[in-house]
Protein backbone atom coordinates (compact mmCIF):
# COMPACT_ATOMS: atom_id res chain seq x y z
CA MET A 1 18.24 -10.22 -13.56
CA THR A 2 15.24 -12.17 -14.61
CA ARG A 3 14.41 -15.66 -13.52
CA ARG A 4 15.72 -16.96 -16.84
CA GLU A 5 18.96 -15.30 -16.45
CA ALA A 6 19.37 -16.68 -13.04
CA ILE A 7 18.84 -20.17 -14.38
CA ALA A 8 20.94 -19.77 -17.40
CA THR A 9 23.88 -18.37 -15.06
CA PHE A 10 23.66 -20.46 -11.93
CA GLY A 11 21.92 -23.47 -13.07
CA ALA A 12 19.19 -25.34 -10.90
CA ILE A 13 19.10 -25.00 -7.38
CA ALA A 14 21.37 -27.90 -5.65
CA ALA A 15 19.11 -30.96 -5.53
CA LEU A 16 17.94 -31.60 -2.12
CA PRO A 17 18.54 -35.12 -0.58
CA SER A 18 15.54 -37.62 -0.84
CA LEU A 19 13.11 -36.83 2.02
CA ALA A 20 11.13 -39.43 3.98
CA MET A 21 7.34 -38.90 3.84
CA ALA A 22 6.53 -35.72 5.27
CA THR A 23 4.29 -35.55 8.38
CA THR A 24 1.22 -33.38 8.82
CA GLY A 25 3.27 -31.17 11.18
CA ASP A 26 6.23 -30.85 8.69
CA LEU A 27 3.78 -29.63 5.94
CA ARG A 28 2.33 -27.09 8.39
CA ASP A 29 6.04 -25.78 8.69
CA ASP A 30 6.27 -25.64 4.87
CA MET A 31 3.21 -23.38 4.93
CA ALA A 32 4.64 -21.05 7.57
CA ILE A 33 7.66 -20.90 5.65
CA LEU A 34 5.77 -19.83 2.49
CA ARG A 35 3.67 -17.24 4.38
CA LYS A 36 6.62 -15.65 5.88
CA ALA A 37 8.34 -15.57 2.43
CA LEU A 38 5.49 -13.94 0.82
CA THR A 39 6.02 -10.97 3.19
CA LEU A 40 8.91 -10.13 1.22
CA HIS A 41 6.95 -10.06 -2.17
CA PRO A 42 6.26 -6.58 -3.62
CA GLY A 43 3.34 -7.55 -5.67
CA LEU A 44 1.49 -9.64 -3.20
CA TYR A 45 -1.26 -7.26 -3.09
CA ARG A 46 -0.99 -5.43 -6.37
CA TYR A 47 -4.20 -7.11 -7.76
CA SER A 48 -5.81 -8.51 -4.43
CA THR A 49 -6.62 -7.31 -1.07
CA GLU A 50 -5.01 -8.54 1.95
CA ALA A 51 -8.11 -10.41 3.10
CA GLU A 52 -8.46 -12.13 -0.42
CA VAL A 53 -4.83 -13.45 0.05
CA ASN A 54 -5.53 -14.69 3.32
CA ARG A 55 -8.55 -16.57 2.32
CA ARG A 56 -6.63 -18.22 -0.43
CA LEU A 57 -3.76 -18.98 1.79
CA GLU A 58 -6.21 -20.79 4.15
CA VAL A 59 -7.57 -22.84 1.28
CA LEU A 60 -3.97 -23.50 0.15
CA GLU A 61 -2.95 -24.91 3.72
CA ARG A 62 -5.96 -27.21 3.83
CA GLN A 63 -5.23 -28.58 0.49
CA PHE A 64 -1.45 -28.87 0.95
CA VAL A 65 -1.54 -30.36 4.27
CA GLY A 66 -4.30 -32.66 3.45
CA ALA A 67 -2.77 -33.92 0.01
CA THR A 68 -1.41 -37.41 0.05
CA THR A 69 0.86 -37.07 -3.16
CA ASN A 70 3.44 -34.84 -4.44
CA GLU A 71 1.27 -34.14 -7.47
CA ALA A 72 -1.72 -32.81 -5.32
CA ARG A 73 0.75 -30.60 -3.38
CA TYR A 74 2.49 -29.20 -6.60
CA LEU A 75 -0.73 -28.24 -8.08
CA ALA A 76 -2.22 -26.60 -5.05
CA ILE A 77 0.71 -24.45 -4.46
CA SER A 78 1.15 -23.77 -8.29
CA ARG A 79 -2.66 -22.70 -8.37
CA PHE A 80 -2.24 -20.48 -5.38
CA LEU A 81 1.01 -18.70 -6.49
CA ALA A 82 -0.76 -17.95 -10.00
CA SER A 83 -3.35 -16.20 -8.16
CA ILE A 84 -1.01 -13.44 -7.05
CA ARG A 85 -0.76 -12.60 -10.85
CA CYS A 86 2.80 -12.06 -11.04
CA GLY A 87 4.65 -13.59 -14.16
CA HIS A 88 7.73 -14.27 -12.13
CA THR A 89 6.20 -16.11 -9.34
CA TYR A 90 5.79 -19.96 -9.75
CA CYS A 91 7.20 -23.31 -8.73
CA ASN A 92 10.06 -23.34 -11.24
CA PHE A 93 10.39 -26.39 -13.22
CA PHE A 94 14.22 -26.22 -13.29
CA ASN A 95 14.68 -25.61 -9.58
CA GLN A 96 12.89 -28.81 -8.28
CA ARG A 97 15.08 -31.46 -6.74
CA ASP A 98 15.84 -34.25 -9.13
CA ALA A 99 13.82 -37.02 -7.83
CA LEU A 100 10.54 -34.56 -7.46
CA ALA A 101 11.28 -33.19 -10.98
CA ALA A 102 11.32 -36.75 -12.56
CA GLU A 103 8.16 -37.73 -10.92
CA LEU A 104 6.03 -34.55 -11.69
CA PHE A 105 7.56 -33.55 -15.12
CA ASP A 106 8.85 -36.73 -16.88
CA ARG A 107 5.70 -38.46 -17.79
CA ARG A 108 4.50 -40.17 -21.06
CA THR A 109 1.57 -37.80 -21.52
CA ARG A 110 2.85 -35.23 -24.02
CA LEU A 111 1.03 -34.69 -27.36
CA PRO A 112 3.29 -35.48 -30.14
CA PHE A 113 3.10 -32.04 -31.99
CA TYR A 114 3.57 -28.34 -31.53
CA PHE A 115 0.33 -26.07 -31.28
CA GLU A 116 -0.66 -22.56 -30.46
CA TRP A 117 -4.10 -21.38 -29.11
CA ILE A 118 -5.65 -19.06 -31.55
CA ASN A 119 -9.12 -17.61 -30.43
CA ARG A 120 -9.01 -20.28 -27.72
CA ARG A 121 -8.82 -23.04 -30.41
CA MET A 122 -5.90 -25.64 -30.27
CA ILE A 123 -4.21 -25.13 -33.76
CA VAL A 124 -1.35 -27.54 -34.78
CA THR A 125 1.75 -25.63 -36.00
CA ALA A 126 4.23 -28.31 -36.64
CA ASP A 127 4.10 -32.08 -36.48
CA ARG A 128 7.51 -33.88 -37.17
CA THR A 129 5.72 -37.37 -37.68
CA GLY A 130 3.73 -36.07 -40.61
CA MET A 131 0.51 -37.38 -38.83
CA ILE A 132 -1.31 -33.96 -38.58
CA ALA A 133 -1.04 -31.02 -41.04
CA PRO A 134 -0.14 -27.59 -39.69
CA GLY A 135 -3.40 -25.65 -39.47
CA THR A 136 -5.52 -28.43 -38.21
CA GLU A 137 -7.53 -27.63 -35.24
CA VAL A 138 -7.62 -30.41 -32.28
CA VAL A 139 -11.33 -30.20 -31.10
CA SER A 140 -10.98 -32.61 -28.29
CA ILE A 141 -8.46 -34.84 -26.61
CA ASN A 142 -9.83 -38.27 -25.07
CA GLY A 143 -13.16 -36.75 -25.13
CA VAL A 144 -12.27 -33.67 -23.24
CA ALA A 145 -12.91 -30.48 -25.47
CA ALA A 146 -9.64 -28.64 -25.98
CA THR A 147 -11.48 -25.30 -25.00
CA ALA A 148 -12.39 -27.01 -21.55
CA MET A 149 -8.81 -28.16 -21.33
CA LEU A 150 -7.45 -24.78 -21.76
CA ARG A 151 -10.09 -23.29 -19.14
CA ALA A 152 -9.06 -25.92 -16.65
CA LEU A 153 -5.32 -25.05 -17.14
CA MET A 154 -5.45 -21.42 -17.10
CA PRO A 155 -5.44 -21.06 -13.12
CA TYR A 156 -1.93 -22.69 -13.03
CA ALA A 157 -0.54 -20.35 -15.68
CA ARG A 158 1.75 -17.33 -14.48
CA ALA A 159 1.20 -14.03 -15.92
CA ASP A 160 1.06 -10.24 -14.66
CA GLY A 161 -2.28 -8.98 -13.71
CA HIS A 162 -5.16 -9.88 -15.93
CA ASN A 163 -3.19 -10.20 -19.11
CA ASP A 164 -4.80 -13.57 -20.05
CA ALA A 165 -3.01 -13.24 -23.50
CA LYS A 166 0.19 -14.28 -21.83
CA ARG A 167 -1.37 -17.14 -19.89
CA VAL A 168 -2.85 -18.47 -23.12
CA SER A 169 0.49 -18.15 -25.04
CA LEU A 170 2.44 -19.92 -22.24
CA LEU A 171 0.08 -23.02 -22.55
CA GLY A 172 1.12 -23.49 -25.96
CA VAL A 173 3.82 -25.93 -27.14
CA ASN A 174 6.34 -24.67 -29.34
CA GLY A 175 9.74 -26.12 -28.39
CA ARG A 176 10.95 -22.75 -26.74
CA ASP A 177 11.51 -24.21 -23.28
CA ARG A 178 13.16 -27.59 -22.17
CA ILE A 179 10.07 -28.21 -20.13
CA GLU A 180 6.80 -26.65 -21.42
CA TYR A 181 4.00 -25.52 -19.31
CA PHE A 182 1.13 -27.33 -21.02
CA ASP A 183 3.16 -30.62 -20.95
CA VAL A 184 3.52 -30.31 -17.24
CA PHE A 185 0.09 -29.31 -16.19
CA GLN A 186 -1.91 -31.21 -18.85
CA GLY A 187 0.03 -34.31 -17.75
CA LEU A 188 -0.77 -33.71 -14.15
CA VAL A 189 -4.54 -32.56 -14.43
CA PHE A 190 -5.60 -34.80 -17.22
CA GLY A 191 -2.75 -37.49 -17.89
CA ALA A 192 -3.08 -39.99 -20.66
CA ARG A 193 -5.11 -43.17 -21.49
CA SER A 194 -3.71 -46.63 -20.08
CA ASP A 195 -2.33 -47.47 -23.70
CA ALA A 196 -0.13 -44.34 -23.63
CA THR A 197 -2.08 -42.76 -26.66
CA HIS A 198 -4.23 -39.87 -27.03
CA LEU A 199 -7.46 -40.21 -29.05
CA LEU A 200 -7.93 -36.71 -30.81
CA SER A 201 -10.82 -35.21 -32.60
CA LEU A 202 -9.60 -33.24 -35.35
CA ARG A 203 -10.86 -30.44 -37.93
CA LEU A 204 -8.62 -30.33 -40.93
CA PRO A 205 -7.80 -26.99 -42.68
CA ASN A 206 -10.22 -28.05 -45.47
CA GLY A 207 -12.93 -28.34 -42.78
CA ASP A 208 -13.03 -32.05 -42.79
CA GLU A 209 -13.54 -33.82 -39.28
CA GLN A 210 -11.83 -37.03 -38.31
CA GLN A 211 -10.50 -38.96 -35.32
CA ARG A 212 -6.91 -40.09 -34.85
CA GLN A 213 -5.29 -41.90 -32.22
CA VAL A 214 -1.75 -40.70 -31.63
CA PRO A 215 1.14 -41.95 -29.44
CA THR A 216 2.28 -40.01 -26.14
CA LEU A 217 5.81 -38.63 -25.62
CA ASN A 218 7.96 -38.33 -22.59
CA LEU A 219 10.37 -35.58 -21.73
CA ALA A 220 13.29 -37.13 -23.58
CA ASP A 221 11.02 -37.56 -26.85
CA ARG A 222 9.83 -34.04 -26.48
CA ARG A 223 13.49 -32.52 -26.33
CA ALA A 224 14.41 -34.67 -29.28
CA GLN A 225 11.82 -32.77 -31.12
CA MET A 226 13.39 -29.38 -30.21
CA ALA A 227 15.43 -27.55 -32.98
CA ALA A 228 19.25 -27.50 -31.97
CA GLY A 229 20.26 -24.41 -30.21
CA PRO A 230 23.70 -22.67 -29.65
CA THR A 231 26.53 -25.25 -29.64
CA SER A 232 27.54 -23.68 -26.46
CA LYS A 233 26.53 -20.74 -23.96
CA ASP A 234 29.44 -18.58 -25.59
CA ALA A 235 28.13 -18.89 -29.23
CA PRO A 236 25.77 -16.19 -30.95
CA ARG A 237 22.36 -16.35 -29.71
CA TRP A 238 20.73 -14.20 -32.69
CA GLN A 239 20.42 -14.44 -36.30
CA TRP A 240 21.10 -11.68 -38.75
CA GLN A 241 19.84 -11.78 -42.43
CA VAL A 242 19.62 -9.13 -45.21
CA ARG A 243 16.68 -9.93 -47.35
CA PRO A 244 16.83 -9.66 -51.30
CA ASP A 245 14.56 -6.71 -50.96
CA GLY A 246 17.36 -4.94 -48.76
CA ILE A 247 15.50 -5.17 -45.53
CA ALA A 248 17.72 -6.59 -42.63
CA LEU A 249 16.11 -9.06 -40.27
CA LEU A 250 17.37 -9.38 -36.78
CA THR A 251 16.09 -12.42 -34.86
CA MET A 252 16.38 -12.42 -31.13
CA PRO A 253 14.67 -15.51 -29.48
CA SER A 254 16.26 -14.58 -26.11
CA TRP A 255 18.16 -11.94 -24.15
CA ALA A 256 19.37 -14.27 -21.51
CA VAL A 257 23.09 -13.83 -22.13
CA TYR A 258 24.18 -12.86 -18.61
CA ASP A 259 26.48 -15.87 -18.28
CA SER A 260 27.73 -15.79 -21.75
CA LYS A 261 31.04 -14.71 -22.94
CA TRP A 262 29.79 -13.94 -26.34
CA PRO A 263 30.38 -10.25 -27.00
CA TRP A 264 26.87 -9.49 -27.97
CA ARG A 265 27.24 -5.62 -27.86
CA GLN A 266 29.98 -5.74 -30.38
CA TRP A 267 28.19 -8.32 -32.53
CA LEU A 268 25.07 -5.98 -32.48
CA ASP A 269 27.12 -2.79 -33.13
CA ASP A 270 28.91 -4.59 -35.96
CA ARG A 271 25.58 -5.38 -37.87
CA LEU A 272 23.93 -2.09 -36.95
CA ASN A 273 26.92 -0.25 -38.62
CA THR A 274 26.23 -2.17 -41.98
CA LEU A 275 22.82 -0.54 -42.40
CA ALA A 276 23.62 2.62 -44.28
CA GLY A 277 21.63 2.22 -47.41
CA ALA A 278 19.41 -0.54 -46.04
CA LYS A 279 15.73 -0.27 -46.91
CA GLY A 280 14.80 -0.95 -43.24
CA LEU A 281 15.18 -3.06 -40.16
CA ILE A 282 12.96 -5.72 -38.68
CA ILE A 283 13.50 -7.15 -35.16
CA ASP A 284 11.77 -10.32 -34.42
CA LEU A 285 11.14 -10.58 -30.56
CA ARG A 286 7.89 -12.89 -30.72
CA ASP A 287 9.75 -15.62 -28.75
CA ASN A 288 11.65 -13.50 -26.66
CA GLU A 289 10.45 -13.47 -22.95
CA GLY A 290 13.36 -11.14 -21.55
CA GLY A 291 16.66 -11.20 -20.08
CA LEU A 292 19.31 -8.28 -19.99
CA ASP A 293 18.22 -5.06 -21.52
CA CYS A 294 19.93 -5.76 -24.97
CA GLY A 295 17.32 -3.59 -26.73
CA ASP A 296 18.71 -0.44 -25.18
CA ALA A 297 21.52 -0.72 -27.41
CA ILE A 298 19.27 -0.49 -30.27
CA LEU A 299 17.14 2.34 -28.91
CA ALA A 300 20.46 4.34 -28.43
CA ARG A 301 21.36 4.25 -32.04
CA LEU A 302 17.76 5.37 -32.77
CA ALA A 303 17.24 8.18 -30.27
CA THR A 304 17.86 12.00 -30.99
CA ALA A 305 17.77 12.92 -27.25
CA PRO A 306 18.15 10.94 -23.94
CA ILE A 307 15.48 8.53 -23.32
CA ALA A 308 14.27 9.22 -19.75
CA ASP A 309 13.40 6.43 -17.33
CA ASP A 310 9.76 5.81 -17.24
CA GLY A 311 9.10 7.10 -14.01
CA ALA A 312 8.33 3.82 -12.22
CA GLU A 313 9.16 3.70 -8.50
CA ARG A 314 11.24 0.51 -7.51
CA ARG A 315 9.94 -0.65 -4.22
CA VAL A 316 10.72 -3.51 -1.87
CA ARG A 317 9.00 -4.72 1.22
CA PHE A 318 11.81 -5.37 3.59
CA GLU A 319 15.08 -3.65 4.85
CA ARG A 320 16.87 -7.18 5.86
CA THR A 321 15.54 -10.56 5.43
CA PRO A 322 14.33 -12.31 8.59
CA ALA A 323 17.27 -14.35 10.01
CA ASP A 324 15.05 -17.37 10.55
CA LEU A 325 13.86 -17.46 6.95
CA ASP A 326 17.61 -17.06 5.34
CA GLN A 327 18.17 -20.61 5.35
CA TYR A 328 15.19 -21.29 3.09
CA LEU A 329 16.20 -18.50 0.78
CA ASP A 330 18.69 -19.43 -2.19
CA THR A 331 19.92 -16.66 -4.44
CA TRP A 332 23.10 -15.72 -6.45
CA ASP A 333 23.80 -12.38 -4.88
CA LYS A 334 23.91 -12.03 -0.99
CA SER A 335 23.28 -8.42 -1.31
CA PHE A 336 19.65 -9.33 -2.18
CA ARG A 337 19.20 -10.03 1.53
CA THR A 338 19.48 -6.30 2.66
CA LEU A 339 17.92 -4.76 -0.52
CA GLY A 340 15.90 -2.32 1.57
CA VAL A 341 18.87 -1.06 3.75
CA GLY A 342 19.10 2.66 3.30
CA ALA A 343 15.86 2.85 0.87
CA ALA A 344 13.30 5.39 1.89
CA PRO A 345 10.19 4.16 3.88
CA SER A 346 7.26 4.53 1.84
CA ALA A 347 3.37 3.92 2.24
CA ASN A 348 1.79 0.55 2.78
CA GLY A 349 4.88 -1.01 4.16
CA PHE A 350 7.09 -0.48 1.32
CA TYR A 351 10.73 0.91 0.88
CA ARG A 352 11.49 3.02 -2.27
CA LEU A 353 14.93 2.41 -3.86
CA HIS A 354 16.78 5.45 -4.46
CA ALA A 355 17.33 7.05 -7.83
CA GLU A 356 20.63 5.37 -8.60
CA GLN A 357 18.84 1.97 -8.24
CA SER A 358 15.79 2.87 -10.10
CA GLY A 359 16.93 2.54 -13.69
CA THR A 360 18.94 4.47 -16.25
CA VAL A 361 18.54 7.06 -19.09
CA ILE A 362 19.51 5.74 -22.48
CA ALA A 363 21.86 8.16 -24.21
CA PRO A 364 21.86 8.49 -27.74
CA ALA A 365 24.76 6.67 -29.55
CA GLU A 366 26.53 7.36 -32.95
CA PRO A 367 26.19 6.56 -35.78
CA ARG A 368 22.54 7.04 -35.65
CA LEU A 369 20.31 4.81 -37.46
CA GLN A 370 18.19 6.79 -40.13
CA LEU A 371 16.05 4.07 -41.60
CA PRO A 372 12.45 2.69 -40.75
CA VAL A 373 12.51 -0.14 -37.95
CA ALA A 374 9.71 -2.46 -37.17
CA ALA A 375 9.60 -4.87 -33.94
CA LEU A 376 7.58 -8.11 -34.20
CA ILE A 377 5.92 -8.56 -30.76
CA GLY A 378 3.30 -10.62 -28.92
CA PRO A 379 2.14 -12.37 -25.79
CA VAL A 380 5.63 -13.84 -24.92
CA ASN A 381 7.11 -10.50 -24.22
CA SER A 382 6.65 -10.08 -20.79
CA SER A 383 9.89 -8.96 -18.80
CA ALA A 384 12.88 -7.01 -20.51
CA THR A 385 11.24 -7.24 -24.00
CA PHE A 386 8.00 -5.79 -22.58
CA GLN A 387 9.96 -2.86 -21.28
CA PHE A 388 11.89 -2.54 -24.52
CA ALA A 389 8.38 -2.31 -26.60
CA GLN A 390 7.27 0.29 -24.01
CA LYS A 391 10.26 2.51 -24.26
CA ALA A 392 10.03 2.12 -28.04
CA GLN A 393 6.39 2.95 -28.35
CA ARG A 394 6.56 5.80 -25.98
CA ASN A 395 9.41 7.43 -27.64
CA LYS A 396 8.03 6.70 -31.13
CA LEU A 397 11.26 5.07 -32.43
CA ILE A 398 10.06 1.76 -33.55
CA ARG A 399 6.87 0.52 -35.28
CA LEU A 400 5.48 -2.26 -33.09
CA ILE A 401 3.74 -5.08 -35.29
CA GLY A 402 2.05 -8.06 -34.08
CA GLU A 403 -0.28 -8.96 -31.07
CA MET A 404 -0.47 -7.52 -27.38
CA THR A 405 2.45 -8.33 -25.40
CA GLY A 406 2.70 -10.15 -22.06
CA GLY A 407 3.90 -8.16 -18.99
CA ASN A 408 1.57 -5.46 -17.66
CA GLN A 409 1.42 -1.59 -18.03
CA ARG A 410 0.51 -1.51 -14.49
CA GLY A 411 3.82 -2.73 -13.46
CA ILE A 412 5.82 -6.00 -12.88
CA ASN A 413 7.89 -7.51 -10.32
CA GLY A 414 11.52 -8.90 -10.75
CA GLY A 415 15.05 -7.46 -10.82
CA ALA A 416 16.22 -9.71 -7.97
CA PHE A 417 15.18 -13.06 -6.71
CA PHE A 418 15.04 -15.74 -3.97
CA PHE A 419 14.43 -19.24 -4.63
CA VAL A 420 12.29 -20.48 -1.87
CA ARG A 421 12.97 -24.09 -0.68
CA LEU A 422 10.11 -25.57 1.46
CA PRO A 423 12.10 -28.46 3.25
CA ALA A 424 9.39 -30.97 4.06
CA SER A 425 7.69 -31.14 0.54
CA GLY A 426 10.83 -30.43 -1.60
CA ILE A 427 9.07 -27.89 -3.52
CA GLU A 428 10.87 -24.63 -4.61
CA PHE A 429 9.23 -21.53 -5.77
CA ASP A 430 10.59 -18.30 -7.17
CA LEU A 431 9.96 -14.95 -5.28
CA PRO A 432 10.82 -11.76 -7.16
CA LEU A 433 11.80 -8.86 -4.87
CA ILE A 434 11.55 -5.59 -6.65
CA GLY A 435 8.26 -4.18 -7.53
CA TYR A 436 8.04 -1.71 -10.37
CA PHE A 437 5.17 0.90 -9.84
CA PRO A 438 4.51 3.28 -12.70
CA PRO A 439 2.78 6.60 -11.94
CA GLY A 440 -1.21 6.85 -12.30
CA LEU A 441 -3.19 3.89 -12.81
CA PRO A 442 -2.21 2.54 -16.07
CA PRO A 443 -4.44 -0.26 -17.71
CA ASP A 444 -4.24 -3.74 -16.35
CA ALA A 445 -3.14 -5.06 -19.70
CA GLY A 446 -0.15 -5.68 -21.88
CA LEU A 447 1.04 -3.46 -24.53
CA TYR A 448 -0.84 -2.94 -27.53
CA PRO A 449 1.15 -2.91 -30.85
CA ASP A 450 1.02 0.02 -33.36
CA VAL A 451 -0.36 -2.53 -35.97
CA LEU A 452 -2.36 -5.49 -34.77
CA VAL A 453 -2.06 -8.36 -37.00
CA PRO A 454 -3.64 -11.51 -35.27
CA ARG A 455 -2.41 -15.03 -36.01
CA ARG A 456 -4.95 -17.04 -38.25
CA PRO A 457 -5.23 -20.84 -38.71
CA ALA A 458 -5.25 -20.04 -42.35
CA ASP A 459 -1.84 -18.44 -42.26
CA ILE A 460 -0.43 -21.51 -40.46
CA ALA A 461 -1.97 -24.11 -42.86
CA ALA A 462 -0.44 -21.89 -45.78
CA GLY A 463 2.87 -21.38 -44.14
CA ARG A 464 2.55 -17.85 -44.12
CA ASP A 465 3.89 -15.16 -41.59
CA ALA A 466 1.35 -12.31 -41.83
CA GLN A 467 3.13 -10.23 -39.10
CA MET A 468 6.44 -10.46 -41.22
CA ASP A 469 4.61 -9.53 -44.17
CA ALA A 470 3.02 -6.56 -42.34
CA ALA A 471 6.27 -5.31 -41.23
CA VAL A 472 7.70 -5.72 -44.82
CA GLU A 473 4.88 -3.62 -46.27
CA TRP A 474 5.33 -0.96 -43.79
CA ILE A 475 8.82 -0.44 -44.44
CA GLY A 476 8.02 -0.35 -48.24
CA ARG A 477 5.86 2.54 -47.66
CA ALA A 478 7.74 4.30 -45.09
């Protein structure tokens, strides 16, 4: 189960009571808890040496203990955790205590539009106020160059390895999450002017330049901009459409359906069963970070032979969690506290999970789909959707079109989690427990698509989806 599934299933961690001002000694206790909890992290030394991690911990402790505000402590620990280069390790916005979340995240500093970073340029994608046209570039905000703002915020962004495409994507604002990464860290690092506005320097799609003063938004304002989601957690999460050209379009913005009573497997099978005679199928995964392995049901219908596990070892760092740490570790499954019991000791302090814990073979399923299938992918895909793309490409079952994924070919961490509570500061961070280590030394990068179709400001200005167009064209030629 991924972080998003856990949030969807179990909600935020129970709010802690209001805390009195923490003392220096209390904050050092928080650091001792953090250090001990990190000994359970399977990817702590995947991209850094032990000496490098220890140096960063020393810097963190000085900053954390010496900080006089919650903002400074949250920023310090967030920057340190991002340096682990694990896409599932961060101070989860949704698991902070209510008072701390309101203080840190509900600030009137948000930009009043949606945007993406394209070639490190801030490009407006939607503005419900009608003030700024899509395709417009925001050159600077309150005199700070947008490119400089992106550089300043990148060290706080979570991603696997050196896959900066994921970090850049995460720092866009698009209405996917109830709390957006850029909104949080731009608010904490840069804030807004005293008159609750931002002064923007813009470059319009026609090349003209102008300045515009725009109002800032708070959290409620941002959520009011978001498109309506499913009416309940048991409502269908995906969309199915058969285009006039005979191509079916399956849009899957999330696979976080763990807590839903919606029969997604039957829903999917019913629609796949209608594809006899269809010209092709396009699966849109571009907004989908992951969740359950829902894509395996599609791969099974395309496979002519069993799809083998990728050979990655599943490793953990512990047999049982330390008893004196347990009170600070929240989770949804008590068996996580004994993950390594019975596992095989391995090199460098790891325990290798047994084969039955290490993944499954996907068996072919009938009726088999015999039509061209394309999947639209991009940097958001970093957990189950990254793994789906990897299986699809490795077995040559689906044509991948779009941009490089998130995740990392060198392996990711996840599968099971603790939510670590630091009692003095009240800050929580997510701690993945299972590391996935593929054989050999794969590239420290996301997965490249079969057909690279970069996003362009001109396409946004014209309302054109070049990646979808490329998939339609390929199916027409297949």
